[in-house]
């Protein structure tokens, strides 16, 4: 298969290339792949954008600009208990996820790949993350939501595809699916609505 962005060219081959192409990512494991816990919130807020002139110049970081940006994300994405100088590992899981969400969505990406973005969060944080992803979608971003939460998929997605034995099913309209049908698809018993179970 092929991966194309906005129908043009091939997909980038490096993480920096994906960021430059307007692709944001919310990784499945926020502790291992989303943040560097021992770095400050300000450093994690810009970690994927350190090459931008506003955050570095001639190889030197601009800490004041990084802290100002982090303060804006903290306020704009309701990251509670944080200051720009706070060690990121001290944040709760929900607030760490809000920081990651803010870092990604602030750049207004064209595509957001969100892997299990609400896993392990409390009800309030789940609702917050889902609302902000919906806002990005309304702005025009394409959201690729990867989740094991079938209710979340049915509530948030326009189309749903299932992976069974390493093969991706044809995407189907979410409004024609329910949890039973998705369960059958996940078990390989049905690939399309209307097929015999």
Protein backbone atom coordinates (compact mmCIF):
# COMPACT_ATOMS: atom_id res chain seq x y z
CA UNK A 1 0.00 0.00 0.00
CA UNK A 2 0.87 3.67 -0.04
CA UNK A 3 0.62 6.48 2.47
CA UNK A 4 -0.04 9.91 1.01
CA UNK A 5 -0.68 13.19 2.79
CA UNK A 6 -3.37 15.35 1.24
CA UNK A 7 -3.00 13.16 -1.85
CA UNK A 8 0.51 14.40 -2.50
CA UNK A 9 3.86 12.63 -2.43
CA UNK A 10 5.07 9.85 -0.18
CA UNK A 11 4.90 9.79 3.59
CA UNK A 12 7.86 11.21 5.52
CA UNK A 13 10.46 8.73 6.75
CA UNK A 14 11.58 10.38 9.99
CA UNK A 15 9.80 11.71 13.11
CA UNK A 16 10.97 15.24 12.26
CA UNK A 17 9.60 14.77 8.75
CA UNK A 18 6.19 13.82 10.12
CA UNK A 19 6.09 16.91 12.35
CA UNK A 20 7.15 19.12 9.41
CA UNK A 21 4.40 17.56 7.28
CA UNK A 22 1.76 18.57 9.81
CA UNK A 23 1.24 15.20 11.46
CA UNK A 24 0.77 15.17 15.23
CA UNK A 25 0.96 12.09 17.39
CA UNK A 26 -0.45 11.14 20.75
CA UNK A 27 1.45 7.97 21.66
CA UNK A 28 -0.09 5.00 23.41
CA UNK A 29 2.36 5.10 26.32
CA UNK A 30 2.60 8.68 27.54
CA UNK A 31 5.33 7.85 30.08
CA UNK A 32 7.66 5.94 27.75
CA UNK A 33 7.02 7.72 24.44
CA UNK A 34 5.02 10.88 25.16
CA UNK A 35 7.25 12.82 27.52
CA UNK A 36 10.68 12.73 29.11
CA UNK A 37 9.69 12.61 32.76
CA UNK A 38 12.83 14.15 34.20
CA UNK A 39 12.64 17.18 31.92
CA UNK A 40 10.63 20.25 32.85
CA UNK A 41 7.17 20.89 31.43
CA UNK A 42 8.65 23.74 29.33
CA UNK A 43 11.13 21.37 27.70
CA UNK A 44 8.50 18.73 27.00
CA UNK A 45 6.16 21.38 25.60
CA UNK A 46 8.58 22.14 22.76
CA UNK A 47 10.53 18.90 22.45
CA UNK A 48 9.23 18.22 18.93
CA UNK A 49 9.75 21.82 17.81
CA UNK A 50 13.19 22.67 19.16
CA UNK A 51 14.42 23.56 15.68
CA UNK A 52 11.99 26.47 15.37
CA UNK A 53 13.75 29.85 15.57
CA UNK A 54 11.52 31.02 18.39
CA UNK A 55 12.81 28.20 20.63
CA UNK A 56 16.45 27.98 19.53
CA UNK A 57 19.01 29.97 17.63
CA UNK A 58 22.34 28.76 16.28
CA UNK A 59 22.08 25.67 18.46
CA UNK A 60 21.28 27.59 21.65
CA UNK A 61 17.93 27.13 23.36
CA UNK A 62 15.76 30.09 24.29
CA UNK A 63 14.52 29.14 27.78
CA UNK A 64 12.36 32.24 28.29
CA UNK A 65 10.48 31.59 25.05
CA UNK A 66 10.09 27.91 25.97
CA UNK A 67 8.69 28.81 29.40
CA UNK A 68 6.29 31.38 27.92
CA UNK A 69 5.02 28.82 25.42
CA UNK A 70 4.61 26.21 28.16
CA UNK A 71 2.70 28.68 30.35
CA UNK A 72 0.29 29.29 27.48
CA UNK A 73 -0.24 25.55 27.00
CA UNK A 74 -0.71 25.01 30.74
CA UNK A 75 -3.48 27.59 30.79
CA UNK A 76 -5.01 26.77 27.42
CA UNK A 77 -5.16 23.01 28.03
CA UNK A 78 -5.94 23.08 31.76
CA UNK A 79 -2.75 21.30 32.87
CA UNK A 80 -3.31 21.41 36.62
CA UNK A 81 -0.55 21.46 39.21
CA UNK A 82 2.08 22.49 36.69
CA UNK A 83 4.38 25.40 36.06
CA UNK A 84 6.84 25.61 33.18
CA UNK A 85 9.61 24.52 35.57
CA UNK A 86 7.76 21.52 37.06
CA UNK A 87 9.35 18.11 36.41
CA UNK A 88 6.92 16.42 34.05
CA UNK A 89 7.00 13.10 35.93
CA UNK A 90 5.30 14.84 38.87
CA UNK A 91 2.12 15.43 36.87
CA UNK A 92 -0.87 13.11 37.16
CA UNK A 93 -1.59 10.88 34.17
CA UNK A 94 -4.47 13.09 33.07
CA UNK A 95 -2.43 16.29 33.26
CA UNK A 96 0.48 14.66 31.48
CA UNK A 97 -1.91 13.68 28.70
CA UNK A 98 -3.26 17.24 28.54
CA UNK A 99 0.30 18.50 28.12
CA UNK A 100 0.88 16.08 25.24
CA UNK A 101 -2.48 17.03 23.73
CA UNK A 102 -1.61 20.72 23.98
CA UNK A 103 1.82 20.19 22.42
CA UNK A 104 0.24 18.38 19.48
CA UNK A 105 -2.90 20.45 18.89
CA UNK A 106 -1.25 23.85 19.39
CA UNK A 107 0.62 23.26 16.12
CA UNK A 108 -2.75 22.80 14.34
CA UNK A 109 -1.69 19.59 12.57
CA UNK A 110 -3.48 18.39 9.44
CA UNK A 111 -3.45 14.83 10.75
CA UNK A 112 -3.50 13.56 14.34
CA UNK A 113 -2.61 9.95 15.08
CA UNK A 114 -4.06 9.30 18.55
CA UNK A 115 -3.25 5.88 20.02
CA UNK A 116 -5.32 5.04 23.10
CA UNK A 117 -5.53 8.75 24.05
CA UNK A 118 -7.92 8.20 26.97
CA UNK A 119 -6.56 4.94 28.41
CA UNK A 120 -6.10 5.09 32.18
CA UNK A 121 -7.65 8.54 32.57
CA UNK A 122 -10.45 9.53 34.92
CA UNK A 123 -13.88 10.43 33.56
CA UNK A 124 -13.21 14.18 33.51
CA UNK A 125 -9.90 13.83 31.68
CA UNK A 126 -11.46 11.40 29.18
CA UNK A 127 -14.18 13.91 28.35
CA UNK A 128 -11.62 16.71 28.04
CA UNK A 129 -9.37 14.78 25.65
CA UNK A 130 -12.33 13.70 23.51
CA UNK A 131 -13.67 17.27 23.36
CA UNK A 132 -10.32 18.69 22.25
CA UNK A 133 -9.94 16.01 19.57
CA UNK A 134 -13.46 16.82 18.35
CA UNK A 135 -12.50 20.51 18.17
CA UNK A 136 -9.43 19.65 16.08
CA UNK A 137 -11.64 17.58 13.79
CA UNK A 138 -14.10 20.47 13.44
CA UNK A 139 -11.15 22.71 12.52
CA UNK A 140 -10.38 20.35 9.63
CA UNK A 141 -7.79 17.95 11.03
CA UNK A 142 -8.07 14.28 10.14
CA UNK A 143 -8.04 12.19 13.32
CA UNK A 144 -6.84 8.59 13.20
CA UNK A 145 -8.10 7.22 16.51
CA UNK A 146 -6.65 3.87 17.57
CA UNK A 147 -8.57 2.48 20.53
CA UNK A 148 -9.76 -0.71 22.18
CA UNK A 149 -12.69 1.17 23.73
CA UNK A 150 -15.56 0.30 21.40
CA UNK A 151 -17.92 2.84 22.95
CA UNK A 152 -15.34 5.57 22.35
CA UNK A 153 -14.91 4.51 18.72
CA UNK A 154 -18.66 4.46 18.08
CA UNK A 155 -19.11 7.86 19.74
CA UNK A 156 -16.20 9.66 18.06
CA UNK A 157 -15.58 8.11 14.65
CA UNK A 158 -17.08 8.69 11.22
CA UNK A 159 -15.62 5.42 9.90
CA UNK A 160 -14.23 2.38 11.67
CA UNK A 161 -11.86 -0.31 10.45
CA UNK A 162 -10.81 -3.42 12.36
CA UNK A 163 -7.52 -5.32 12.28
CA UNK A 164 -7.96 -9.09 12.29
CA UNK A 165 -5.02 -11.46 11.88
CA UNK A 166 -2.83 -8.65 10.61
CA UNK A 167 -5.28 -7.45 7.96
CA UNK A 168 -7.14 -4.16 8.00
CA UNK A 169 -10.81 -4.33 7.12
CA UNK A 170 -12.48 -1.92 4.75
CA UNK A 171 -13.51 1.23 6.70
CA UNK A 172 -17.24 1.22 7.38
CA UNK A 173 -19.55 4.08 8.43
CA UNK A 174 -19.76 4.17 12.22
CA UNK A 175 -23.48 4.92 12.18
CA UNK A 176 -24.11 1.48 10.64
CA UNK A 177 -22.20 -0.36 13.37
CA UNK A 178 -22.84 -1.37 16.96
CA UNK A 179 -20.76 -3.09 19.62
CA UNK A 180 -22.00 -6.55 18.63
CA UNK A 181 -21.06 -6.07 15.00
CA UNK A 182 -17.65 -4.65 15.94
CA UNK A 183 -17.08 -7.65 18.20
CA UNK A 184 -17.88 -10.01 15.34
CA UNK A 185 -15.54 -8.11 13.03
CA UNK A 186 -12.77 -8.29 15.62
CA UNK A 187 -13.29 -12.07 15.82
CA UNK A 188 -13.21 -12.36 12.02
CA UNK A 189 -16.84 -13.53 11.91
CA UNK A 190 -18.17 -10.58 9.90
CA UNK A 191 -16.45 -7.88 7.86
CA UNK A 192 -19.42 -5.85 6.74
CA UNK A 193 -22.85 -5.03 8.13
CA UNK A 194 -25.44 -7.37 6.70
CA UNK A 195 -23.17 -10.42 6.52
CA UNK A 196 -24.43 -13.47 8.35
CA UNK A 197 -22.95 -13.80 11.83
